[in-house]
Amino acid sequence: MNLRRIIPFLDPSIEQWATEARFLHWLTFIWLFMGLTVLYSVSFHVGLVEYGDGLYYFKRQLLGVLLGLIGFTVAVRMPLKRFLTIAPVLFFVVLGLIFLNQRGMFDRSRGNALAQDVIASHVRSLLATHLLDVPSTDQHTVKPWFDGKLKFAPPVRDFADQGFRLIGGRLDYINGREVAALVYQRRLHIINLFIWPLESGLNTASESFTKDGYNVSHWERDGFAFWAVSDVNADDLRAFAGLEMQQS
């Protein structure tokens, strides 16, 4: 088989894509179908456990695959000489997209590690006798207790009227830093709310997921990061997050 016919860039005099190149185009569709099938089968359980959606990882990849196929189809149907004129630009665009994707993977990995750290701290607080450093249902007692113990003043609110009673707080250690942990009670369930300062003052919507049997919600508000974790049902935890986010 003539290599120049398979990779027509080796011969700029060729006007159209070779038949073998078009065959590789359709072969790519088959490979992608097989890859998506494998991705679905291996990621369904993980997505269901971590995010409550078995298709979470599949849907994230599907959008990129569809965009890639559209670009691939347009490129193959484009006259070869015209394609060669824009090929260098496309090369650097693809490199940029690969870089952004790898950075996103790094950020997701870091987020997963943080979630695991938060859950581990929640579990330790329940197993040991270190759930509370300052047992109190009075927010005006809990908030000043942190003065001088942390380099920031965490916002403290009691939501007893809405069914989330403040029972105290403590110092904890998350992701290599000291944080404030506020403890709430929802019927027989404990909610740990971890708070630490951020450089950005952005407010973000709450993101919720399930990991290792625990429900987790996290958001940013007024220069602070908030991570709430509990074995309470997901709807209750989202309601709790909504109450706290309204305190801006």
C-alpha atoms as a PDB file:
ATOM      1  CA  MET A   1       0.000   0.000   0.000  1.00  0.00           C
ATOM      2  CA  ASN A   2       1.353   3.407  -0.976  1.00  0.00           C
ATOM      3  CA  LEU A   3       1.999   5.475   2.144  1.00  0.00           C
ATOM      4  CA  ARG A   4       1.505   8.714   0.219  1.00  0.00           C
ATOM      5  CA  ARG A   5      -2.026   7.703  -0.625  1.00  0.00           C
ATOM      6  CA  ILE A   6      -2.869   7.009   3.008  1.00  0.00           C
ATOM      7  CA  ILE A   7      -1.234  10.218   4.276  1.00  0.00           C
ATOM      8  CA  PRO A   8      -1.735  12.658   1.416  1.00  0.00           C
ATOM      9  CA  PHE A   9       0.154  15.457   3.220  1.00  0.00           C
ATOM     10  CA  LEU A  10       3.323  13.748   1.987  1.00  0.00           C
ATOM     11  CA  ASP A  11       2.397  14.748  -1.563  1.00  0.00           C
ATOM     12  CA  PRO A  12       1.007  18.322  -1.858  1.00  0.00           C
ATOM     13  CA  SER A  13       0.212  17.785  -5.512  1.00  0.00           C
ATOM     14  CA  ILE A  14      -2.739  15.535  -4.657  1.00  0.00           C
ATOM     15  CA  GLU A  15      -5.989  17.458  -5.104  1.00  0.00           C
ATOM     16  CA  GLN A  16      -8.362  15.230  -3.142  1.00  0.00           C
ATOM     17  CA  TRP A  17      -8.188  12.883  -0.201  1.00  0.00           C
ATOM     18  CA  ALA A  18      -7.265   9.323  -1.139  1.00  0.00           C
ATOM     19  CA  THR A  19      -9.769   6.491  -0.855  1.00  0.00           C
ATOM     20  CA  GLU A  20      -7.769   4.944   1.977  1.00  0.00           C
ATOM     21  CA  ALA A  21      -7.990   8.198   3.937  1.00  0.00           C
ATOM     22  CA  ARG A  22     -11.784   8.190   3.603  1.00  0.00           C
ATOM     23  CA  PHE A  23     -11.797   4.578   4.738  1.00  0.00           C
ATOM     24  CA  LEU A  24      -9.835   5.592   7.866  1.00  0.00           C
ATOM     25  CA  HIS A  25     -12.477   8.277   8.427  1.00  0.00           C
ATOM     26  CA  TRP A  26     -15.224   5.676   8.741  1.00  0.00           C
ATOM     27  CA  LEU A  27     -12.958   3.352  10.684  1.00  0.00           C
ATOM     28  CA  THR A  28     -12.561   6.138  13.240  1.00  0.00           C
ATOM     29  CA  PHE A  29     -16.327   6.128  13.788  1.00  0.00           C
ATOM     30  CA  ILE A  30     -16.146   2.435  14.629  1.00  0.00           C
ATOM     31  CA  TRP A  31     -13.254   2.973  17.074  1.00  0.00           C
ATOM     32  CA  LEU A  32     -15.091   5.795  18.785  1.00  0.00           C
ATOM     33  CA  PHE A  33     -18.233   3.696  19.130  1.00  0.00           C
ATOM     34  CA  MET A  34     -16.210   0.907  20.723  1.00  0.00           C
ATOM     35  CA  GLY A  35     -14.433   3.371  23.025  1.00  0.00           C
ATOM     36  CA  LEU A  36     -17.692   4.968  24.179  1.00  0.00           C
ATOM     37  CA  THR A  37     -19.162   1.526  24.826  1.00  0.00           C
ATOM     38  CA  VAL A  38     -16.195   0.633  27.047  1.00  0.00           C
ATOM     39  CA  LEU A  39     -16.362   4.019  28.799  1.00  0.00           C
ATOM     40  CA  TYR A  40     -20.052   3.526  29.547  1.00  0.00           C
ATOM     41  CA  SER A  41     -19.530   0.053  30.964  1.00  0.00           C
ATOM     42  CA  VAL A  42     -16.598   0.942  33.245  1.00  0.00           C
ATOM     43  CA  SER A  43     -17.780   4.379  34.434  1.00  0.00           C
ATOM     44  CA  PHE A  44     -21.494   3.818  35.083  1.00  0.00           C
ATOM     45  CA  HIS A  45     -21.093   2.507  38.620  1.00  0.00           C
ATOM     46  CA  VAL A  46     -18.460   5.118  39.552  1.00  0.00           C
ATOM     47  CA  GLY A  47     -20.642   7.972  38.282  1.00  0.00           C
ATOM     48  CA  LEU A  48     -23.664   6.575  40.117  1.00  0.00           C
ATOM     49  CA  VAL A  49     -21.778   6.341  43.415  1.00  0.00           C
ATOM     50  CA  GLU A  50     -19.912   9.662  43.215  1.00  0.00           C
ATOM     51  CA  TYR A  51     -22.472  11.903  41.483  1.00  0.00           C
ATOM     52  CA  GLY A  52     -25.768  10.015  41.576  1.00  0.00           C
ATOM     53  CA  ASP A  53     -25.707   9.836  37.765  1.00  0.00           C
ATOM     54  CA  GLY A  54     -24.411   6.732  36.022  1.00  0.00           C
ATOM     55  CA  LEU A  55     -24.015   8.671  32.781  1.00  0.00           C
ATOM     56  CA  TYR A  56     -21.973  11.497  34.351  1.00  0.00           C
ATOM     57  CA  TYR A  57     -18.613  10.618  32.788  1.00  0.00           C
ATOM     58  CA  PHE A  58     -20.178   9.345  29.560  1.00  0.00           C
ATOM     59  CA  LYS A  59     -22.010  12.623  28.926  1.00  0.00           C
ATOM     60  CA  ARG A  60     -18.878  14.677  29.619  1.00  0.00           C
ATOM     61  CA  GLN A  61     -16.955  12.753  26.967  1.00  0.00           C
ATOM     62  CA  LEU A  62     -19.803  12.565  24.472  1.00  0.00           C
ATOM     63  CA  LEU A  63     -19.844  16.318  23.805  1.00  0.00           C
ATOM     64  CA  GLY A  64     -16.139  16.362  22.978  1.00  0.00           C
ATOM     65  CA  VAL A  65     -16.496  13.317  20.749  1.00  0.00           C
ATOM     66  CA  LEU A  66     -19.370  14.873  18.792  1.00  0.00           C
ATOM     67  CA  LEU A  67     -17.458  18.118  18.251  1.00  0.00           C
ATOM     68  CA  GLY A  68     -14.415  16.153  17.134  1.00  0.00           C
ATOM     69  CA  LEU A  69     -16.439  14.101  14.665  1.00  0.00           C
ATOM     70  CA  ILE A  70     -18.004  17.211  13.175  1.00  0.00           C
ATOM     71  CA  GLY A  71     -14.577  18.778  12.671  1.00  0.00           C
ATOM     72  CA  PHE A  72     -13.211  15.521  11.272  1.00  0.00           C
ATOM     73  CA  THR A  73     -16.058  15.212   8.769  1.00  0.00           C
ATOM     74  CA  VAL A  74     -15.658  18.802   7.594  1.00  0.00           C
ATOM     75  CA  ALA A  75     -11.896  18.329   7.176  1.00  0.00           C
ATOM     76  CA  VAL A  76     -12.246  15.159   5.115  1.00  0.00           C
ATOM     77  CA  ARG A  77     -14.785  16.772   2.776  1.00  0.00           C
ATOM     78  CA  MET A  78     -12.631  19.883   2.331  1.00  0.00           C
ATOM     79  CA  PRO A  79     -10.368  20.130  -0.781  1.00  0.00           C
ATOM     80  CA  LEU A  80      -6.914  18.983   0.223  1.00  0.00           C
ATOM     81  CA  LYS A  81      -5.016  22.102  -0.864  1.00  0.00           C
ATOM     82  CA  ARG A  82      -7.347  24.323   1.150  1.00  0.00           C
ATOM     83  CA  PHE A  83      -6.942  22.067   4.153  1.00  0.00           C
ATOM     84  CA  LEU A  84      -3.146  22.216   3.887  1.00  0.00           C
ATOM     85  CA  THR A  85      -3.246  26.016   4.131  1.00  0.00           C
ATOM     86  CA  ILE A  86      -5.011  25.919   7.515  1.00  0.00           C
ATOM     87  CA  ALA A  87      -3.377  22.727   8.831  1.00  0.00           C
ATOM     88  CA  PRO A  88      -0.658  24.556  10.859  1.00  0.00           C
ATOM     89  CA  VAL A  89      -3.295  26.665  12.627  1.00  0.00           C
ATOM     90  CA  LEU A  90      -5.409  23.597  13.376  1.00  0.00           C
ATOM     91  CA  PHE A  91      -2.345  21.843  14.754  1.00  0.00           C
ATOM     92  CA  PHE A  92      -1.798  24.504  17.413  1.00  0.00           C
ATOM     93  CA  VAL A  93      -5.522  24.699  18.163  1.00  0.00           C
ATOM     94  CA  VAL A  94      -5.559  20.965  18.864  1.00  0.00           C
ATOM     95  CA  LEU A  95      -2.471  21.274  21.085  1.00  0.00           C
ATOM     96  CA  GLY A  96      -4.233  24.026  23.043  1.00  0.00           C
ATOM     97  CA  LEU A  97      -7.354  21.903  23.494  1.00  0.00           C
ATOM     98  CA  ILE A  98      -5.242  18.973  24.702  1.00  0.00           C
ATOM     99  CA  PHE A  99      -3.539  21.250  27.229  1.00  0.00           C
ATOM    100  CA  LEU A 100      -6.869  22.587  28.513  1.00  0.00           C
ATOM    101  CA  ASN A 101      -8.249  19.070  28.811  1.00  0.00           C
ATOM    102  CA  GLN A 102      -5.223  17.903  30.803  1.00  0.00           C
ATOM    103  CA  ARG A 103      -5.554  20.926  33.075  1.00  0.00           C
ATOM    104  CA  GLY A 104      -9.223  20.104  33.594  1.00  0.00           C
ATOM    105  CA  MET A 105      -8.300  16.544  34.498  1.00  0.00           C
ATOM    106  CA  PHE A 106      -5.808  17.882  37.035  1.00  0.00           C
ATOM    107  CA  ASP A 107      -8.433  20.174  38.559  1.00  0.00           C
ATOM    108  CA  ARG A 108     -10.941  17.322  38.768  1.00  0.00           C
ATOM    109  CA  SER A 109      -8.351  15.098  40.416  1.00  0.00           C
ATOM    110  CA  ARG A 110      -7.576  17.811  42.946  1.00  0.00           C
ATOM    111  CA  GLY A 111     -11.308  18.279  43.593  1.00  0.00           C
ATOM    112  CA  ASN A 112     -11.749  14.544  44.185  1.00  0.00           C
ATOM    113  CA  ALA A 113      -8.858  14.552  46.651  1.00  0.00           C
ATOM    114  CA  LEU A 114     -10.394  17.508  48.506  1.00  0.00           C
ATOM    115  CA  ALA A 115     -13.779  15.763  48.665  1.00  0.00           C
ATOM    116  CA  GLN A 116     -12.114  12.657  50.082  1.00  0.00           C
ATOM    117  CA  ASP A 117     -10.317  14.770  52.692  1.00  0.00           C
ATOM    118  CA  VAL A 118     -13.557  16.487  53.736  1.00  0.00           C
ATOM    119  CA  ILE A 119     -15.399  13.177  54.070  1.00  0.00           C
ATOM    120  CA  ALA A 120     -12.520  11.663  56.044  1.00  0.00           C
ATOM    121  CA  SER A 121     -12.621  14.599  58.496  1.00  0.00           C
ATOM    122  CA  HIS A 122     -16.379  14.186  58.860  1.00  0.00           C
ATOM    123  CA  VAL A 123     -16.008  10.474  59.635  1.00  0.00           C
ATOM    124  CA  ARG A 124     -13.182  11.091  62.139  1.00  0.00           C
ATOM    125  CA  SER A 125     -15.306  13.624  63.987  1.00  0.00           C
ATOM    126  CA  LEU A 126     -18.066  11.036  64.430  1.00  0.00           C
ATOM    127  CA  LEU A 127     -15.821   8.140  65.429  1.00  0.00           C
ATOM    128  CA  ALA A 128     -13.677  10.048  67.900  1.00  0.00           C
ATOM    129  CA  THR A 129     -14.643  12.359  70.740  1.00  0.00           C
ATOM    130  CA  HIS A 130     -13.653  15.459  68.801  1.00  0.00           C
ATOM    131  CA  LEU A 131     -16.958  16.487  67.275  1.00  0.00           C
ATOM    132  CA  LEU A 132     -17.108  19.764  69.231  1.00  0.00           C
ATOM    133  CA  ASP A 133     -14.521  22.119  70.709  1.00  0.00           C
ATOM    134  CA  VAL A 134     -17.206  24.632  71.629  1.00  0.00           C
ATOM    135  CA  PRO A 135     -20.579  22.986  72.298  1.00  0.00           C
ATOM    136  CA  SER A 136     -23.250  25.653  71.986  1.00  0.00           C
ATOM    137  CA  THR A 137     -26.476  26.350  70.164  1.00  0.00           C
ATOM    138  CA  ASP A 138     -25.837  30.106  70.324  1.00  0.00           C
ATOM    139  CA  GLN A 139     -24.183  31.517  67.199  1.00  0.00           C
ATOM    140  CA  HIS A 140     -22.979  34.496  69.266  1.00  0.00           C
ATOM    141  CA  THR A 141     -21.005  32.080  71.421  1.00  0.00           C
ATOM    142  CA  VAL A 142     -19.616  29.921  68.616  1.00  0.00           C
ATOM    143  CA  LYS A 143     -18.467  32.743  66.318  1.00  0.00           C
ATOM    144  CA  PRO A 144     -16.257  34.616  68.832  1.00  0.00           C
ATOM    145  CA  TRP A 145     -14.762  31.318  70.003  1.00  0.00           C
ATOM    146  CA  PHE A 146     -12.776  31.180  66.751  1.00  0.00           C
ATOM    147  CA  ASP A 147     -11.193  34.602  67.409  1.00  0.00           C
ATOM    148  CA  GLY A 148      -7.430  34.221  67.783  1.00  0.00           C
ATOM    149  CA  LYS A 149      -7.553  30.545  66.830  1.00  0.00           C
ATOM    150  CA  LEU A 150      -7.854  31.148  63.083  1.00  0.00           C
ATOM    151  CA  LYS A 151      -6.581  33.892  60.785  1.00  0.00           C
ATOM    152  CA  PHE A 152     -10.128  34.536  59.611  1.00  0.00           C
ATOM    153  CA  ALA A 153     -13.583  34.959  61.128  1.00  0.00           C
ATOM    154  CA  PRO A 154     -15.966  32.328  59.746  1.00  0.00           C
ATOM    155  CA  PRO A 155     -19.610  33.292  59.245  1.00  0.00           C
ATOM    156  CA  VAL A 156     -21.808  31.482  61.757  1.00  0.00           C
ATOM    157  CA  ARG A 157     -25.580  31.136  61.506  1.00  0.00           C
ATOM    158  CA  ASP A 158     -28.148  29.038  63.316  1.00  0.00           C
ATOM    159  CA  PHE A 159     -30.976  27.548  61.240  1.00  0.00           C
ATOM    160  CA  ALA A 160     -32.923  25.905  64.067  1.00  0.00           C
ATOM    161  CA  ASP A 161     -36.191  27.415  62.870  1.00  0.00           C
ATOM    162  CA  GLN A 162     -35.691  25.653  59.525  1.00  0.00           C
ATOM    163  CA  GLY A 163     -34.796  22.307  61.140  1.00  0.00           C
ATOM    164  CA  PHE A 164     -30.988  22.623  61.100  1.00  0.00           C
ATOM    165  CA  ARG A 165     -29.870  23.313  64.658  1.00  0.00           C
ATOM    166  CA  LEU A 166     -26.387  24.642  65.347  1.00  0.00           C
ATOM    167  CA  ILE A 167     -24.797  22.555  68.099  1.00  0.00           C
ATOM    168  CA  GLY A 168     -21.252  23.970  68.112  1.00  0.00           C
ATOM    169  CA  GLY A 169     -17.972  24.132  66.261  1.00  0.00           C
ATOM    170  CA  ARG A 170     -14.352  23.044  66.275  1.00  0.00           C
ATOM    171  CA  LEU A 171     -11.010  23.521  64.572  1.00  0.00           C
ATOM    172  CA  ASP A 172     -10.139  21.036  61.854  1.00  0.00           C
ATOM    173  CA  TYR A 173      -7.481  20.459  59.228  1.00  0.00           C
ATOM    174  CA  ILE A 174      -8.403  20.143  55.526  1.00  0.00           C
ATOM    175  CA  ASN A 175      -6.152  20.100  52.482  1.00  0.00           C
ATOM    176  CA  GLY A 176      -3.090  21.251  54.415  1.00  0.00           C
ATOM    177  CA  ARG A 177      -4.783  24.177  56.190  1.00  0.00           C
ATOM    178  CA  GLU A 178      -6.645  24.966  59.362  1.00  0.00           C
ATOM    179  CA  VAL A 179     -10.380  25.415  58.815  1.00  0.00           C
ATOM    180  CA  ALA A 180     -13.480  26.151  60.831  1.00  0.00           C
ATOM    181  CA  ALA A 181     -15.933  23.306  61.224  1.00  0.00           C
ATOM    182  CA  LEU A 182     -19.477  24.221  62.204  1.00  0.00           C
ATOM    183  CA  VAL A 183     -21.661  21.350  63.374  1.00  0.00           C
ATOM    184  CA  TYR A 184     -25.400  21.183  62.769  1.00  0.00           C
ATOM    185  CA  GLN A 185     -28.003  18.589  63.645  1.00  0.00           C
ATOM    186  CA  ARG A 186     -30.872  17.492  61.416  1.00  0.00           C
ATOM    187  CA  ARG A 187     -33.020  15.119  63.471  1.00  0.00           C
ATOM    188  CA  LEU A 188     -30.534  12.281  64.266  1.00  0.00           C
ATOM    189  CA  HIS A 189     -28.038  13.281  61.564  1.00  0.00           C
ATOM    190  CA  ILE A 190     -24.908  15.391  61.935  1.00  0.00           C
ATOM    191  CA  ILE A 191     -23.880  17.916  59.276  1.00  0.00           C
ATOM    192  CA  ASN A 192     -20.297  19.176  59.252  1.00  0.00           C
ATOM    193  CA  LEU A 193     -19.814  22.504  57.476  1.00  0.00           C
ATOM    194  CA  PHE A 194     -16.147  23.218  56.729  1.00  0.00           C
ATOM    195  CA  ILE A 195     -15.199  26.840  55.987  1.00  0.00           C
ATOM    196  CA  TRP A 196     -11.954  28.450  54.866  1.00  0.00           C
ATOM    197  CA  PRO A 197     -11.043  31.701  53.065  1.00  0.00           C
ATOM    198  CA  LEU A 198     -10.411  32.041  49.337  1.00  0.00           C
ATOM    199  CA  GLU A 199      -8.521  34.652  47.352  1.00  0.00           C
ATOM    200  CA  SER A 200     -11.452  35.197  45.022  1.00  0.00           C
ATOM    201  CA  GLY A 201     -14.590  36.881  46.268  1.00  0.00           C
ATOM    202  CA  LEU A 202     -16.848  35.081  43.822  1.00  0.00           C
ATOM    203  CA  ASN A 203     -20.200  33.549  44.693  1.00  0.00           C
ATOM    204  CA  THR A 204     -20.843  30.193  43.048  1.00  0.00           C
ATOM    205  CA  ALA A 205     -23.853  27.912  42.929  1.00  0.00           C
ATOM    206  CA  SER A 206     -23.888  24.830  45.100  1.00  0.00           C
ATOM    207  CA  GLU A 207     -22.611  21.585  43.568  1.00  0.00           C
ATOM    208  CA  SER A 208     -23.778  18.346  45.135  1.00  0.00           C
ATOM    209  CA  PHE A 209     -22.715  14.734  44.782  1.00  0.00           C
ATOM    210  CA  THR A 210     -22.583  11.468  46.688  1.00  0.00           C
ATOM    211  CA  LYS A 211     -19.308   9.764  47.552  1.00  0.00           C
ATOM    212  CA  ASP A 212     -18.632   6.730  49.762  1.00  0.00           C
ATOM    213  CA  GLY A 213     -22.239   6.823  50.967  1.00  0.00           C
ATOM    214  CA  TYR A 214     -22.083  10.466  52.108  1.00  0.00           C
ATOM    215  CA  ASN A 215     -23.803  13.451  50.524  1.00  0.00           C
ATOM    216  CA  VAL A 216     -21.590  16.449  49.849  1.00  0.00           C
ATOM    217  CA  SER A 217     -22.406  20.011  48.798  1.00  0.00           C
ATOM    218  CA  HIS A 218     -19.890  22.776  48.214  1.00  0.00           C
ATOM    219  CA  TRP A 219     -20.116  26.409  47.158  1.00  0.00           C
ATOM    220  CA  GLU A 220     -18.309  29.745  47.447  1.00  0.00           C
ATOM    221  CA  ARG A 221     -19.682  32.907  49.035  1.00  0.00           C
ATOM    222  CA  ASP A 222     -18.169  36.258  50.019  1.00  0.00           C
ATOM    223  CA  GLY A 223     -14.571  35.056  49.854  1.00  0.00           C
ATOM    224  CA  PHE A 224     -15.117  31.738  51.623  1.00  0.00           C
ATOM    225  CA  ALA A 225     -15.284  28.109  50.512  1.00  0.00           C
ATOM    226  CA  PHE A 226     -18.038  26.028  52.104  1.00  0.00           C
ATOM    227  CA  TRP A 227     -18.100  22.228  52.132  1.00  0.00           C
ATOM    228  CA  ALA A 228     -21.028  20.478  53.827  1.00  0.00           C
ATOM    229  CA  VAL A 229     -21.019  16.710  54.327  1.00  0.00           C
ATOM    230  CA  SER A 230     -23.467  14.376  56.035  1.00  0.00           C
ATOM    231  CA  ASP A 231     -25.328  11.091  55.782  1.00  0.00           C
ATOM    232  CA  VAL A 232     -28.573  13.088  55.757  1.00  0.00           C
ATOM    233  CA  ASN A 233     -30.559  12.677  52.522  1.00  0.00           C
ATOM    234  CA  ALA A 234     -29.471  14.725  49.525  1.00  0.00           C
ATOM    235  CA  ASP A 235     -32.574  16.944  49.473  1.00  0.00           C
ATOM    236  CA  ASP A 236     -32.060  17.995  53.084  1.00  0.00           C
ATOM    237  CA  LEU A 237     -28.402  18.805  52.469  1.00  0.00           C
ATOM    238  CA  ARG A 238     -29.281  20.897  49.421  1.00  0.00           C
ATOM    239  CA  ALA A 239     -31.885  22.721  51.507  1.00  0.00           C
ATOM    240  CA  PHE A 240     -29.232  23.407  54.146  1.00  0.00           C
ATOM    241  CA  ALA A 241     -26.840  24.727  51.502  1.00  0.00           C
ATOM    242  CA  GLY A 242     -29.575  26.986  50.162  1.00  0.00           C
ATOM    243  CA  LEU A 243     -30.185  28.469  53.606  1.00  0.00           C
ATOM    244  CA  GLU A 244     -26.510  29.238  54.130  1.00  0.00           C
ATOM    245  CA  MET A 245     -26.100  30.749  50.669  1.00  0.00           C
ATOM    246  CA  GLN A 246     -28.934  33.190  51.372  1.00  0.00           C
ATOM    247  CA  GLN A 247     -26.882  34.798  54.155  1.00  0.00           C
ATOM    248  CA  SER A 248     -24.914  37.107  51.800  1.00  0.00           C
END
